[in-house]
Structure formats: C-alpha cells, structure tokens
N, C-alpha and C. Protein backbone atom coordinates (compact mmCIF):
# COMPACT_ATOMS: atom_id res chain seq x y z
N MET A 1 6.46 15.52 -2.11
CA MET A 1 7.21 14.95 -1.63
C MET A 1 7.19 13.88 0.00
N ALA A 2 7.46 12.72 -0.02
CA ALA A 2 7.43 12.15 1.44
C ALA A 2 8.87 10.97 1.79
N LYS A 3 8.63 11.10 2.82
CA LYS A 3 10.32 10.09 2.97
C LYS A 3 9.73 8.62 3.34
N ALA A 4 10.51 7.85 2.80
CA ALA A 4 10.15 6.50 3.16
C ALA A 4 11.19 5.83 3.34
N ALA A 5 11.26 4.33 3.89
CA ALA A 5 12.56 3.43 4.72
C ALA A 5 12.41 2.84 2.80
N ILE A 6 13.51 2.94 2.19
CA ILE A 6 13.22 1.64 1.22
C ILE A 6 13.87 0.34 1.13
N LEU A 7 14.11 -0.63 0.77
CA LEU A 7 14.86 -1.61 0.17
C LEU A 7 15.13 -1.47 -0.99
N GLU A 8 16.73 -1.15 -1.05
CA GLU A 8 17.34 -1.51 -2.23
C GLU A 8 17.76 -3.07 -2.49
N GLN A 9 18.21 -3.67 -2.17
CA GLN A 9 18.89 -4.91 -1.86
C GLN A 9 18.71 -5.32 -0.78
N PRO A 10 18.08 -7.34 -0.80
CA PRO A 10 18.29 -7.83 0.42
C PRO A 10 19.09 -7.92 0.85
N GLY A 11 19.29 -7.86 2.56
CA GLY A 11 20.14 -7.73 3.44
C GLY A 11 20.91 -6.72 3.03
N GLU A 12 20.97 -5.82 2.97
CA GLU A 12 21.45 -4.52 2.92
C GLU A 12 20.52 -3.58 3.98
N GLY A 13 19.89 -3.73 4.64
CA GLY A 13 18.98 -2.87 5.46
C GLY A 13 18.29 -1.87 4.49
N LEU A 14 17.89 -1.03 5.21
CA LEU A 14 16.53 -0.04 4.45
C LEU A 14 17.07 1.70 4.63
N ILE A 15 17.22 2.17 3.41
CA ILE A 15 17.36 3.64 3.16
C ILE A 15 16.58 4.48 3.69
N ILE A 16 17.01 5.51 3.99
CA ILE A 16 15.75 7.05 4.11
C ILE A 16 15.94 7.75 2.88
N GLY A 17 14.86 7.98 2.11
CA GLY A 17 15.02 8.52 0.79
C GLY A 17 13.58 9.35 0.51
N ASP A 18 13.43 10.11 -0.45
CA ASP A 18 12.64 10.56 -0.76
C ASP A 18 11.57 10.19 -1.70
N VAL A 19 10.11 10.18 -1.82
CA VAL A 19 9.65 9.54 -2.64
C VAL A 19 8.19 10.23 -3.03
N GLN A 20 7.27 10.25 -4.13
CA GLN A 20 6.81 10.99 -4.51
C GLN A 20 5.63 10.15 -4.75
N ILE A 21 4.11 10.36 -4.49
CA ILE A 21 3.30 9.45 -4.16
C ILE A 21 2.17 10.24 -5.41
N SER A 22 1.74 9.15 -6.29
CA SER A 22 0.73 9.71 -7.51
C SER A 22 -0.52 9.77 -6.41
N ASP A 23 -1.29 10.57 -7.09
CA ASP A 23 -2.83 10.80 -6.83
C ASP A 23 -3.51 9.60 -7.23
N PRO A 24 -4.42 9.13 -5.90
CA PRO A 24 -5.61 7.78 -6.16
C PRO A 24 -6.28 7.62 -7.65
N ALA A 25 -6.12 6.36 -7.39
CA ALA A 25 -7.17 5.61 -9.07
C ALA A 25 -8.13 5.85 -8.75
N PRO A 26 -9.14 5.32 -9.67
CA PRO A 26 -10.42 5.59 -9.01
C PRO A 26 -10.93 4.88 -8.00
N HIS A 27 -10.34 3.64 -7.49
CA HIS A 27 -10.68 2.61 -6.34
C HIS A 27 -9.38 3.10 -5.35
N GLU A 28 -8.57 3.98 -5.19
CA GLU A 28 -7.91 3.53 -4.30
C GLU A 28 -7.64 4.87 -3.12
N VAL A 29 -7.29 4.46 -2.24
CA VAL A 29 -7.31 6.11 -1.22
C VAL A 29 -5.75 6.41 -0.57
N LEU A 30 -5.34 7.86 -0.71
CA LEU A 30 -4.25 7.73 -0.10
C LEU A 30 -4.28 8.15 1.34
N ILE A 31 -3.43 7.92 1.58
CA ILE A 31 -3.48 7.87 3.36
C ILE A 31 -2.34 8.56 3.80
N ASP A 32 -2.04 9.47 4.71
CA ASP A 32 -1.59 10.31 5.68
C ASP A 32 -0.74 9.06 6.57
N THR A 33 0.18 8.53 6.50
CA THR A 33 0.36 7.32 7.45
C THR A 33 1.32 8.28 8.92
N LYS A 34 0.59 7.80 9.86
CA LYS A 34 1.32 8.43 11.19
C LYS A 34 1.75 7.26 12.13
N ALA A 35 1.49 5.87 11.86
CA ALA A 35 2.21 4.89 12.00
C ALA A 35 2.49 3.97 11.42
N CYS A 36 3.23 3.00 11.38
CA CYS A 36 3.20 1.53 10.62
C CYS A 36 4.51 0.73 11.54
N GLY A 37 3.86 -0.23 11.10
CA GLY A 37 4.82 -1.50 12.09
C GLY A 37 5.20 -2.38 11.15
N LEU A 38 6.62 -2.93 11.22
CA LEU A 38 6.63 -3.87 10.15
C LEU A 38 6.84 -5.04 10.97
N CYS A 39 6.39 -6.51 10.85
CA CYS A 39 6.05 -7.36 10.78
C CYS A 39 7.50 -8.62 10.28
N HIS A 40 6.90 -9.61 10.74
CA HIS A 40 8.17 -10.76 10.09
C HIS A 40 7.96 -11.29 8.69
N SER A 41 6.76 -11.01 8.36
CA SER A 41 7.03 -11.16 6.80
C SER A 41 7.90 -9.83 5.71
N ASP A 42 7.66 -8.80 6.73
CA ASP A 42 8.59 -7.25 6.08
C ASP A 42 10.17 -8.07 5.99
N LEU A 43 10.21 -9.13 7.71
CA LEU A 43 12.10 -9.10 7.50
C LEU A 43 12.22 -9.87 6.80
N HIS A 44 11.34 -10.97 6.13
CA HIS A 44 11.70 -11.95 5.31
C HIS A 44 11.92 -11.25 4.02
N PHE A 45 11.62 -10.14 3.64
CA PHE A 45 11.59 -9.83 2.34
C PHE A 45 12.72 -8.54 2.72
N ILE A 46 12.91 -8.03 3.33
CA ILE A 46 14.31 -7.29 3.83
C ILE A 46 15.93 -8.30 3.60
N ASP A 47 15.23 -9.20 4.40
CA ASP A 47 16.80 -10.24 4.22
C ASP A 47 16.78 -11.54 2.88
N GLY A 48 15.96 -10.98 2.44
CA GLY A 48 15.52 -11.81 0.83
C GLY A 48 15.27 -12.99 1.22
N ALA A 49 14.55 -13.61 2.30
CA ALA A 49 13.66 -14.72 2.14
C ALA A 49 12.08 -15.46 1.33
N TYR A 50 12.35 -14.06 0.97
CA TYR A 50 10.78 -14.08 0.40
C TYR A 50 11.18 -12.91 -1.19
N PRO A 51 10.97 -13.54 -2.41
CA PRO A 51 11.71 -12.57 -3.26
C PRO A 51 10.47 -11.48 -3.59
N HIS A 52 10.96 -10.47 -3.83
CA HIS A 52 9.80 -9.50 -3.99
C HIS A 52 10.89 -8.80 -4.57
N PRO A 53 10.42 -7.82 -5.75
CA PRO A 53 10.26 -6.89 -7.00
C PRO A 53 11.16 -5.80 -5.91
N LEU A 54 12.51 -5.31 -6.44
CA LEU A 54 12.72 -4.23 -5.82
C LEU A 54 13.16 -2.96 -6.84
N PRO A 55 13.23 -1.79 -6.25
CA PRO A 55 13.24 -1.42 -4.87
C PRO A 55 11.58 -1.33 -4.01
N ALA A 56 11.62 -1.53 -2.91
CA ALA A 56 10.59 -1.62 -2.11
C ALA A 56 10.45 -0.83 -1.05
N ILE A 57 9.21 -0.75 -0.52
CA ILE A 57 8.81 0.00 0.78
C ILE A 57 7.82 -0.86 1.44
N PRO A 58 8.97 -1.60 2.86
CA PRO A 58 8.29 -2.63 3.19
C PRO A 58 7.16 -1.60 4.54
N GLY A 59 6.54 -2.90 4.59
CA GLY A 59 5.69 -2.12 5.81
C GLY A 59 3.83 -2.08 5.42
N HIS A 60 3.39 -2.69 6.13
CA HIS A 60 1.68 -2.86 5.67
C HIS A 60 0.62 -2.83 6.64
N GLU A 61 1.28 -2.56 7.68
CA GLU A 61 0.74 -2.38 9.09
C GLU A 61 0.48 -0.92 9.33
N ALA A 62 -0.42 0.10 8.81
CA ALA A 62 0.02 1.39 9.00
C ALA A 62 -1.50 1.61 9.74
N ALA A 63 -1.42 2.97 10.17
CA ALA A 63 -2.60 3.61 10.62
C ALA A 63 -2.48 5.90 9.86
N GLY A 64 -3.56 5.79 9.77
CA GLY A 64 -3.70 6.99 9.36
C GLY A 64 -4.43 7.99 9.01
N VAL A 65 -4.70 9.22 8.70
CA VAL A 65 -5.82 9.71 8.10
C VAL A 65 -5.68 10.23 6.68
N VAL A 66 -7.03 9.48 6.23
CA VAL A 66 -7.22 10.18 4.41
C VAL A 66 -6.80 11.06 4.28
N ARG A 67 -6.13 11.23 2.87
CA ARG A 67 -5.68 12.90 2.66
C ARG A 67 -6.93 12.90 1.20
N ALA A 68 -7.01 12.05 0.22
CA ALA A 68 -7.47 11.53 -0.63
C ALA A 68 -8.02 10.38 -1.06
N VAL A 69 -9.65 10.70 -1.74
CA VAL A 69 -9.41 9.35 -2.48
C VAL A 69 -9.88 9.30 -3.96
N GLY A 70 -9.93 8.26 -4.90
CA GLY A 70 -10.83 7.88 -6.11
C GLY A 70 -11.90 8.37 -6.15
N SER A 71 -11.80 8.62 -7.47
CA SER A 71 -13.37 9.05 -7.84
C SER A 71 -14.29 7.85 -7.41
N GLU A 72 -14.11 6.85 -7.45
CA GLU A 72 -14.84 5.68 -6.98
C GLU A 72 -15.25 5.28 -5.83
N VAL A 73 -14.26 5.49 -4.67
CA VAL A 73 -14.35 5.13 -3.56
C VAL A 73 -15.46 5.79 -2.63
N LYS A 74 -16.37 5.04 -2.28
CA LYS A 74 -17.55 5.51 -1.17
C LYS A 74 -17.09 5.29 0.39
N THR A 75 -16.82 4.55 0.26
CA THR A 75 -16.40 4.25 1.88
C THR A 75 -15.81 4.90 3.06
N VAL A 76 -14.84 5.62 2.70
CA VAL A 76 -14.02 6.82 3.14
C VAL A 76 -13.84 8.12 2.06
N LYS A 77 -13.37 8.99 3.77
CA LYS A 77 -13.61 10.40 2.65
C LYS A 77 -11.99 10.57 3.36
N PRO A 78 -11.98 12.12 2.68
CA PRO A 78 -10.74 12.83 3.67
C PRO A 78 -10.91 13.52 5.00
N GLY A 79 -9.99 13.20 6.01
CA GLY A 79 -10.26 13.14 7.17
C GLY A 79 -10.42 12.28 7.80
N ASP A 80 -10.58 11.01 7.03
CA ASP A 80 -11.08 9.59 8.22
C ASP A 80 -9.83 9.42 8.87
N HIS A 81 -9.90 8.63 9.42
CA HIS A 81 -8.83 8.16 10.26
C HIS A 81 -9.15 6.44 10.26
N VAL A 82 -7.89 5.78 9.70
CA VAL A 82 -7.91 4.22 8.71
C VAL A 82 -6.94 3.74 9.29
N VAL A 83 -7.35 2.74 9.47
CA VAL A 83 -5.99 1.10 9.49
C VAL A 83 -5.93 0.60 8.12
N SER A 84 -4.61 -0.02 7.88
CA SER A 84 -4.29 -0.49 6.56
C SER A 84 -4.62 -1.99 6.75
N CYS A 85 -4.95 -2.91 5.88
CA CYS A 85 -4.91 -4.03 6.05
C CYS A 85 -4.18 -4.97 4.95
N LEU A 86 -3.56 -5.94 5.38
CA LEU A 86 -2.64 -6.29 4.03
C LEU A 86 -3.50 -7.54 3.00
N SER A 87 -4.82 -7.60 3.64
CA SER A 87 -5.88 -8.65 2.64
C SER A 87 -6.48 -7.81 1.42
N ALA A 88 -6.50 -8.06 0.40
CA ALA A 88 -6.95 -7.49 -0.83
C ALA A 88 -8.40 -7.39 -0.72
N PHE A 89 -9.43 -6.78 -1.45
CA PHE A 89 -11.02 -7.03 -1.77
C PHE A 89 -11.19 -6.32 -2.65
N CYS A 90 -12.10 -6.64 -3.27
CA CYS A 90 -12.26 -6.65 -4.87
C CYS A 90 -13.48 -5.39 -4.85
N GLY A 91 -14.35 -5.27 -3.70
CA GLY A 91 -15.22 -4.11 -3.71
C GLY A 91 -16.68 -4.21 -4.30
N HIS A 92 -16.63 -5.38 -5.16
CA HIS A 92 -17.73 -5.49 -6.03
C HIS A 92 -18.74 -6.53 -5.57
N CYS A 93 -18.07 -7.83 -5.08
CA CYS A 93 -18.76 -9.37 -4.89
C CYS A 93 -19.94 -9.03 -4.06
N GLU A 94 -20.98 -9.74 -3.68
CA GLU A 94 -21.97 -9.73 -2.71
C GLU A 94 -21.36 -9.13 -1.39
N PHE A 95 -20.65 -10.01 -0.85
CA PHE A 95 -19.68 -9.51 0.57
C PHE A 95 -19.30 -8.14 0.64
N CYS A 96 -18.30 -7.68 -0.50
CA CYS A 96 -17.56 -6.17 -0.26
C CYS A 96 -18.56 -5.38 -0.05
N VAL A 97 -20.06 -5.18 -1.08
CA VAL A 97 -20.69 -4.36 -1.58
C VAL A 97 -22.16 -4.33 -0.27
N THR A 98 -21.77 -5.30 1.22
CA THR A 98 -22.80 -5.52 2.07
C THR A 98 -21.93 -5.36 3.21
N GLY A 99 -20.62 -4.84 3.37
CA GLY A 99 -19.29 -4.23 4.29
C GLY A 99 -19.10 -5.73 5.07
N ARG A 100 -18.58 -6.97 4.47
CA ARG A 100 -18.22 -8.33 4.76
C ARG A 100 -17.40 -8.51 4.15
N MET A 101 -16.25 -7.97 3.84
CA MET A 101 -14.94 -7.87 3.20
C MET A 101 -14.22 -9.00 3.39
N ALA A 102 -14.30 -9.75 4.99
CA ALA A 102 -13.30 -10.74 5.37
C ALA A 102 -13.61 -12.22 4.50
N LEU A 103 -14.82 -12.11 3.57
CA LEU A 103 -15.59 -13.16 3.02
C LEU A 103 -15.57 -12.95 1.62
N CYS A 104 -14.54 -11.80 1.02
CA CYS A 104 -14.67 -11.77 -0.47
C CYS A 104 -14.28 -12.85 -1.38
N LEU A 105 -15.14 -12.66 -2.23
CA LEU A 105 -14.81 -13.98 -3.68
C LEU A 105 -14.12 -13.56 -4.28
N GLY A 106 -13.32 -12.60 -4.55
CA GLY A 106 -12.41 -11.95 -5.58
C GLY A 106 -11.35 -11.24 -5.31
N GLY A 107 -10.95 -11.58 -3.83
CA GLY A 107 -9.79 -11.03 -3.16
C GLY A 107 -8.00 -10.72 -3.38
N ASP A 108 -7.87 -11.64 -4.94
CA ASP A 108 -6.60 -11.29 -5.64
C ASP A 108 -6.65 -10.02 -6.64
N THR A 109 -6.47 -9.19 -6.05
CA THR A 109 -6.75 -7.44 -6.33
C THR A 109 -5.34 -6.42 -6.59
N ARG A 110 -4.62 -7.77 -6.74
CA ARG A 110 -3.28 -7.01 -6.52
C ARG A 110 -2.95 -6.54 -7.92
N ARG A 111 -1.69 -5.60 -8.06
CA ARG A 111 -1.24 -4.91 -9.03
C ARG A 111 -0.39 -6.07 -10.11
N ALA A 112 -1.22 -5.77 -11.18
CA ALA A 112 -0.47 -6.32 -12.24
C ALA A 112 0.83 -6.06 -12.60
N PRO A 113 1.93 -7.25 -13.24
CA PRO A 113 3.17 -6.45 -12.66
C PRO A 113 3.69 -5.94 -13.79
N ASP A 114 2.92 -5.21 -15.12
CA ASP A 114 2.95 -3.91 -16.00
C ASP A 114 2.31 -2.97 -15.15
N ALA A 115 1.92 -3.20 -14.05
CA ALA A 115 0.74 -2.02 -14.13
C ALA A 115 1.87 -0.80 -13.20
N THR A 116 1.56 0.31 -13.66
CA THR A 116 2.43 1.70 -13.09
C THR A 116 2.56 2.04 -12.45
N PRO A 117 4.03 1.85 -10.91
CA PRO A 117 3.88 1.57 -9.50
C PRO A 117 3.19 3.46 -8.89
N ARG A 118 2.46 3.27 -7.91
CA ARG A 118 2.15 4.50 -7.74
C ARG A 118 3.06 5.66 -6.80
N ILE A 119 4.59 4.84 -6.53
CA ILE A 119 5.08 5.75 -6.04
C ILE A 119 6.45 5.95 -6.79
N HIS A 120 7.08 6.88 -6.79
CA HIS A 120 8.42 7.15 -7.54
C HIS A 120 9.29 7.80 -6.93
N ARG A 121 10.59 7.78 -6.94
CA ARG A 121 11.67 8.53 -6.77
C ARG A 121 11.14 9.50 -7.62
N PRO A 122 12.25 10.85 -6.99
CA PRO A 122 12.20 12.43 -7.84
C PRO A 122 12.34 12.09 -8.90
N ASP A 123 13.24 11.36 -8.98
CA ASP A 123 13.99 11.13 -10.70
C ASP A 123 13.06 10.31 -11.95
N GLY A 124 12.11 9.90 -11.25
CA GLY A 124 10.72 9.26 -11.57
C GLY A 124 11.41 7.36 -11.77
N SER A 125 12.30 7.43 -11.32
CA SER A 125 12.30 5.74 -10.66
C SER A 125 11.76 5.01 -9.86
C-alpha cells in the first residue's frame, strides 16, 4: 500500500489516498519514489486544460530506488537509484539497444486505452 496525490476531477485539487501498485510486467520497473516534482503539464491536467482519463496521479519527474523489475528488464536492478523520464522508449530498436534512447524509432509505447491499470485503490477502482 502507498499514498498518492490523486486527481479526481479537474479544478478540484488533489486528494491524498491509498493505492496498491501491481508487480511490474515484463518490461516495467517498480520504483520506490523518494521525490517527485509537478511541472506545468501536470498543472494543466489538474486545472482541466489538458483532457486526461480520471482519476489520475500527476507527477512524471521523479527520483527513487528500484524495488522490482520485470522479467525482460536488463538495464537496472533492485537497489539502483534512478530518475524517471517523460519520454517513452521502445527498448528494441537499434538506438535503444545501444543506449541511445533519445533517438528511439518506436517511442509511442504508451498503454493502450483498454490496458489494465497498474495502480488501484484498495477497493479495486
């Protein structure tokens, strides 16, 4: 169980609530977040200027320690100190496999709209 600042409705601020985080899928990393910033893009989600599925947990500029990794993760291990990045990388193209993720050819790796959420409230929502 973890605490999170949750956006329920735009313009209503954030509420602090309990969440459960799923174990990492094969290409995912679970991080114990030690610090997280909110930037202007987060503020635009919070005030409703950027539509986003709700509820949501803003904050994509984080630093922490790797708690667990999925079975296909090869570049970090539990205990490593890491920072998060807003950019998405495919992990498979010639640039990703040579450590040049900024040049990724397949960066549109966001979750599909019907993908199972990785974070849940205690009631399953």
